[in-house]
PDB file of N, CA and C in Angstrom:
ATOM      1  N   MET A   1     155.025 151.233  89.809  1.00  0.00           N
ATOM      2  CA  MET A   1     156.098 150.761  90.483  1.00  0.00           C
ATOM      3  C   MET A   1     156.827 151.500  91.324  1.00  0.00           C
ATOM      4  N   SER A   2     156.853 151.816  92.471  1.00  0.00           N
ATOM      5  CA  SER A   2     157.338 152.757  93.332  1.00  0.00           C
ATOM      6  C   SER A   2     159.004 153.264  93.314  1.00  0.00           C
ATOM      7  N   LYS A   3     159.145 153.870  93.021  1.00  0.00           N
ATOM      8  CA  LYS A   3     160.897 154.424  93.096  1.00  0.00           C
ATOM      9  C   LYS A   3     161.295 154.455  94.429  1.00  0.00           C
ATOM     10  N   SER A   4     162.577 154.249  94.796  1.00  0.00           N
ATOM     11  CA  SER A   4     163.363 154.403  95.701  1.00  0.00           C
ATOM     12  C   SER A   4     163.858 155.787  95.918  1.00  0.00           C
ATOM     13  N   LEU A   5     163.569 156.280  97.196  1.00  0.00           N
ATOM     14  CA  LEU A   5     164.272 157.795  97.325  1.00  0.00           C
ATOM     15  C   LEU A   5     165.905 157.659  97.745  1.00  0.00           C
ATOM     16  N   THR A   6     166.536 158.503  97.602  1.00  0.00           N
ATOM     17  CA  THR A   6     167.938 158.585  97.910  1.00  0.00           C
ATOM     18  C   THR A   6     168.086 158.846  99.135  1.00  0.00           C
ATOM     19  N   ALA A   7     168.979 158.762  99.990  1.00  0.00           N
ATOM     20  CA  ALA A   7     169.348 159.337 101.587  1.00  0.00           C
ATOM     21  C   ALA A   7     169.165 160.715 101.486  1.00  0.00           C
ATOM     22  N   GLU A   8     169.782 161.468 100.423  1.00  0.00           N
ATOM     23  CA  GLU A   8     169.430 163.324 100.161  1.00  0.00           C
ATOM     24  C   GLU A   8     167.619 163.299 100.499  1.00  0.00           C
ATOM     25  N   GLN A   9     167.110 162.555  99.416  1.00  0.00           N
ATOM     26  CA  GLN A   9     165.466 162.616  99.292  1.00  0.00           C
ATOM     27  C   GLN A   9     164.764 162.351 100.573  1.00  0.00           C
ATOM     28  N   GLN A  10     165.314 161.488 100.876  1.00  0.00           N
ATOM     29  CA  GLN A  10     164.504 161.141 102.171  1.00  0.00           C
ATOM     30  C   GLN A  10     164.749 162.029 103.223  1.00  0.00           C
ATOM     31  N   GLU A  11     166.012 162.865 103.080  1.00  0.00           N
ATOM     32  CA  GLU A  11     166.162 163.700 104.531  1.00  0.00           C
ATOM     33  C   GLU A  11     165.446 164.743 103.980  1.00  0.00           C
ATOM     34  N   MET A  12     165.250 165.261 102.782  1.00  0.00           N
ATOM     35  CA  MET A  12     164.528 166.600 102.691  1.00  0.00           C
ATOM     36  C   MET A  12     163.122 166.297 102.870  1.00  0.00           C
ATOM     37  N   ILE A  13     162.587 165.139 102.818  1.00  0.00           N
ATOM     38  CA  ILE A  13     160.936 164.768 103.390  1.00  0.00           C
ATOM     39  C   ILE A  13     161.124 164.907 104.795  1.00  0.00           C
ATOM     40  N   ASN A  14     162.299 164.215 105.517  1.00  0.00           N
ATOM     41  CA  ASN A  14     162.456 164.420 107.071  1.00  0.00           C
ATOM     42  C   ASN A  14     162.103 165.662 107.581  1.00  0.00           C
ATOM     43  N   GLN A  15     163.063 166.656 106.739  1.00  0.00           N
ATOM     44  CA  GLN A  15     163.127 168.178 107.187  1.00  0.00           C
ATOM     45  C   GLN A  15     161.435 168.841 106.995  1.00  0.00           C
ATOM     46  N   VAL A  16     160.950 168.179 105.745  1.00  0.00           N
ATOM     47  CA  VAL A  16     159.560 169.097 105.694  1.00  0.00           C
ATOM     48  C   VAL A  16     158.407 168.540 106.871  1.00  0.00           C
ATOM     49  N   ALA A  17     158.665 167.039 107.276  1.00  0.00           N
ATOM     50  CA  ALA A  17     157.683 166.238 108.344  1.00  0.00           C
ATOM     51  C   ALA A  17     158.348 167.346 109.701  1.00  0.00           C
ATOM     52  N   ALA A  18     159.382 167.472 109.973  1.00  0.00           N
ATOM     53  CA  ALA A  18     159.806 168.053 111.094  1.00  0.00           C
ATOM     54  C   ALA A  18     159.340 169.594 111.215  1.00  0.00           C
ATOM     55  N   THR A  19     159.458 170.390 110.190  1.00  0.00           N
ATOM     56  CA  THR A  19     158.904 171.676 110.051  1.00  0.00           C
ATOM     57  C   THR A  19     157.584 171.452 110.492  1.00  0.00           C
ATOM     58  N   MET A  20     156.891 170.923 109.660  1.00  0.00           N
ATOM     59  CA  MET A  20     155.471 170.769 109.751  1.00  0.00           C
ATOM     60  C   MET A  20     154.933 170.307 111.442  1.00  0.00           C
ATOM     61  N   ALA A  21     155.605 169.322 111.804  1.00  0.00           N
ATOM     62  CA  ALA A  21     155.197 168.711 113.372  1.00  0.00           C
ATOM     63  C   ALA A  21     155.574 170.283 113.997  1.00  0.00           C
ATOM     64  N   ILE A  22     156.583 170.746 114.174  1.00  0.00           N
ATOM     65  CA  ILE A  22     156.697 172.100 114.788  1.00  0.00           C
ATOM     66  C   ILE A  22     155.752 173.078 115.005  1.00  0.00           C
ATOM     67  N   GLU A  23     154.693 172.657 113.808  1.00  0.00           N
ATOM     68  CA  GLU A  23     153.945 173.951 113.531  1.00  0.00           C
ATOM     69  C   GLU A  23     152.440 173.105 114.037  1.00  0.00           C
ATOM     70  N   ASN A  24     152.520 171.677 114.633  1.00  0.00           N
ATOM     71  CA  ASN A  24     151.590 171.156 114.954  1.00  0.00           C
ATOM     72  C   ASN A  24     150.520 170.696 113.785  1.00  0.00           C
ATOM     73  N   MET A  25     151.335 170.776 112.592  1.00  0.00           N
ATOM     74  CA  MET A  25     150.718 170.110 111.341  1.00  0.00           C
ATOM     75  C   MET A  25     151.199 168.697 110.505  1.00  0.00           C
ATOM     76  N   PRO A  26     151.063 167.555 111.328  1.00  0.00           N
ATOM     77  CA  PRO A  26     151.774 166.563 110.997  1.00  0.00           C
ATOM     78  C   PRO A  26     151.313 166.125 109.681  1.00  0.00           C
ATOM     79  N   VAL A  27     152.489 165.558 109.004  1.00  0.00           N
ATOM     80  CA  VAL A  27     152.345 165.507 107.435  1.00  0.00           C
ATOM     81  C   VAL A  27     151.605 163.850 107.176  1.00  0.00           C
ATOM     82  N   THR A  28     150.714 163.848 106.704  1.00  0.00           N
ATOM     83  CA  THR A  28     149.750 162.839 106.270  1.00  0.00           C
ATOM     84  C   THR A  28     150.352 161.826 105.199  1.00  0.00           C
ATOM     85  N   LYS A  29     149.742 160.761 105.474  1.00  0.00           N
ATOM     86  CA  LYS A  29     150.364 159.447 104.575  1.00  0.00           C
ATOM     87  C   LYS A  29     150.297 159.691 103.108  1.00  0.00           C
ATOM     88  N   GLN A  30     149.074 160.679 102.539  1.00  0.00           N
ATOM     89  CA  GLN A  30     149.004 160.947 101.288  1.00  0.00           C
ATOM     90  C   GLN A  30     149.982 161.917 101.135  1.00  0.00           C
ATOM     91  N   ALA A  31     150.414 162.961 101.942  1.00  0.00           N
ATOM     92  CA  ALA A  31     151.178 164.294 101.776  1.00  0.00           C
ATOM     93  C   ALA A  31     152.608 163.565 101.540  1.00  0.00           C
ATOM     94  N   TYR A  32     153.170 162.642 102.051  1.00  0.00           N
ATOM     95  CA  TYR A  32     154.425 161.993 101.971  1.00  0.00           C
ATOM     96  C   TYR A  32     154.346 161.161 100.741  1.00  0.00           C
ATOM     97  N   GLU A  33     153.165 160.562 100.266  1.00  0.00           N
ATOM     98  CA  GLU A  33     153.518 159.879  98.869  1.00  0.00           C
ATOM     99  C   GLU A  33     153.322 160.920  98.271  1.00  0.00           C
ATOM    100  N   ASN A  34     152.762 162.047  97.776  1.00  0.00           N
ATOM    101  CA  ASN A  34     152.945 162.886  97.266  1.00  0.00           C
ATOM    102  C   ASN A  34     154.301 163.590  96.746  1.00  0.00           C
ATOM    103  N   MET A  35     154.914 163.507  98.213  1.00  0.00           N
ATOM    104  CA  MET A  35     156.230 164.173  98.092  1.00  0.00           C
ATOM    105  C   MET A  35     157.056 163.269  97.308  1.00  0.00           C
ATOM    106  N   ARG A  36     157.155 162.205  97.922  1.00  0.00           N
ATOM    107  CA  ARG A  36     157.927 161.037  97.286  1.00  0.00           C
ATOM    108  C   ARG A  36     157.713 160.637  95.975  1.00  0.00           C
ATOM    109  N   ALA A  37     156.383 160.957  95.508  1.00  0.00           N
ATOM    110  CA  ALA A  37     156.445 160.803  93.934  1.00  0.00           C
ATOM    111  C   ALA A  37     156.900 161.833  93.140  1.00  0.00           C
ATOM    112  N   TYR A  38     156.831 162.846  93.645  1.00  0.00           N
ATOM    113  CA  TYR A  38     157.416 164.390  93.152  1.00  0.00           C
ATOM    114  C   TYR A  38     159.320 163.948  93.048  1.00  0.00           C
ATOM    115  N   LEU A  39     159.928 163.876  94.072  1.00  0.00           N
ATOM    116  CA  LEU A  39     161.164 163.788  94.350  1.00  0.00           C
ATOM    117  C   LEU A  39     161.722 162.558  93.346  1.00  0.00           C
ATOM    118  N   THR A  40     160.634 161.554  92.988  1.00  0.00           N
ATOM    119  CA  THR A  40     161.240 160.344  92.352  1.00  0.00           C
ATOM    120  C   THR A  40     160.869 160.814  90.732  1.00  0.00           C
ATOM    121  N   GLY A  41     160.126 161.529  90.569  1.00  0.00           N
ATOM    122  CA  GLY A  41     159.836 161.790  89.102  1.00  0.00           C
ATOM    123  C   GLY A  41     158.841 161.434  88.970  1.00  0.00           C
ATOM    124  N   GLU A  42     158.095 160.377  89.426  1.00  0.00           N
ATOM    125  CA  GLU A  42     156.728 159.502  89.078  1.00  0.00           C
ATOM    126  C   GLU A  42     155.688 160.643  88.761  1.00  0.00           C
ATOM    127  N   LYS A  43     155.525 161.615  89.457  1.00  0.00           N
ATOM    128  CA  LYS A  43     154.438 162.829  89.223  1.00  0.00           C
ATOM    129  C   LYS A  43     155.042 163.968  89.244  1.00  0.00           C
ATOM    130  N   THR A  44     154.321 164.925  88.078  1.00  0.00           N
ATOM    131  CA  THR A  44     154.819 166.595  88.247  1.00  0.00           C
ATOM    132  C   THR A  44     154.070 167.018  89.527  1.00  0.00           C
ATOM    133  N   LYS A  45     154.202 168.202  89.615  1.00  0.00           N
ATOM    134  CA  LYS A  45     153.543 169.340  90.682  1.00  0.00           C
ATOM    135  C   LYS A  45     152.221 169.372  90.131  1.00  0.00           C
ATOM    136  N   LYS A  46     151.613 169.436  88.934  1.00  0.00           N
ATOM    137  CA  LYS A  46     150.587 169.892  88.045  1.00  0.00           C
ATOM    138  C   LYS A  46     149.864 168.241  88.468  1.00  0.00           C
ATOM    139  N   GLU A  47     150.476 167.056  88.149  1.00  0.00           N
ATOM    140  CA  GLU A  47     149.598 166.010  88.241  1.00  0.00           C
ATOM    141  C   GLU A  47     149.352 165.751  89.754  1.00  0.00           C
ATOM    142  N   ILE A  48     150.097 166.035  90.905  1.00  0.00           N
ATOM    143  CA  ILE A  48     149.622 165.838  92.131  1.00  0.00           C
ATOM    144  C   ILE A  48     148.615 167.162  92.703  1.00  0.00           C
ATOM    145  N   LEU A  49     148.858 168.502  92.074  1.00  0.00           N
ATOM    146  CA  LEU A  49     147.831 169.250  92.358  1.00  0.00           C
ATOM    147  C   LEU A  49     146.317 168.958  91.767  1.00  0.00           C
ATOM    148  N   ASP A  50     146.321 168.369  90.355  1.00  0.00           N
ATOM    149  CA  ASP A  50     144.830 168.119  89.763  1.00  0.00           C
ATOM    150  C   ASP A  50     144.402 167.170  90.555  1.00  0.00           C
ATOM    151  N   ASP A  51     145.241 165.598  91.036  1.00  0.00           N
ATOM    152  CA  ASP A  51     144.494 164.651  91.978  1.00  0.00           C
ATOM    153  C   ASP A  51     144.162 165.256  93.271  1.00  0.00           C
ATOM    154  N   ILE A  52     144.783 166.213  93.779  1.00  0.00           N
ATOM    155  CA  ILE A  52     143.904 166.749  94.663  1.00  0.00           C
ATOM    156  C   ILE A  52     143.169 167.703  94.878  1.00  0.00           C
ATOM    157  N   LYS A  53     142.707 168.368  93.748  1.00  0.00           N
ATOM    158  CA  LYS A  53     141.392 168.990  93.305  1.00  0.00           C
ATOM    159  C   LYS A  53     140.205 168.229  92.930  1.00  0.00           C
ATOM    160  N   VAL A  54     140.720 167.082  92.299  1.00  0.00           N
ATOM    161  CA  VAL A  54     139.736 166.073  92.001  1.00  0.00           C
ATOM    162  C   VAL A  54     139.330 165.455  93.282  1.00  0.00           C
ATOM    163  N   ARG A  55     140.287 165.267  94.317  1.00  0.00           N
ATOM    164  CA  ARG A  55     139.548 164.451  95.331  1.00  0.00           C
ATOM    165  C   ARG A  55     138.453 165.514  96.186  1.00  0.00           C
ATOM    166  N   TYR A  56     139.025 166.830  96.498  1.00  0.00           N
ATOM    167  CA  TYR A  56     137.825 167.640  97.131  1.00  0.00           C
ATOM    168  C   TYR A  56     137.241 168.201  96.355  1.00  0.00           C
ATOM    169  N   THR A  57     136.944 168.363  95.336  1.00  0.00           N
ATOM    170  CA  THR A  57     135.735 168.882  94.545  1.00  0.00           C
ATOM    171  C   THR A  57     134.907 167.815  94.085  1.00  0.00           C
ATOM    172  N   ASN A  58     135.044 166.713  94.099  1.00  0.00           N
ATOM    173  CA  ASN A  58     134.461 165.276  93.945  1.00  0.00           C
ATOM    174  C   ASN A  58     134.018 164.925  95.179  1.00  0.00           C
ATOM    175  N   ALA A  59     134.098 165.333  96.536  1.00  0.00           N
ATOM    176  CA  ALA A  59     134.088 164.783  97.824  1.00  0.00           C
ATOM    177  C   ALA A  59     132.276 165.366  98.311  1.00  0.00           C
ATOM    178  N   ARG A  60     131.652 165.544  97.786  1.00  0.00           N
ATOM    179  CA  ARG A  60     130.431 165.987  98.242  1.00  0.00           C
ATOM    180  C   ARG A  60     129.423 164.904  98.375  1.00  0.00           C
TER     181      ARG A  60
END
């Protein structure tokens, strides 16, 4: 079950997305979901990094 973001947490994500867009690096849906999960406490940084490592090392 997804937890809701507070207004402050949403603003944090918006700021990251804006900064990334300035650098021509738009935030993907997966990156947004990872930020949301981290900010709401659903996942730790380690869990997110482990998921990313599995996705890219097994994608052969």
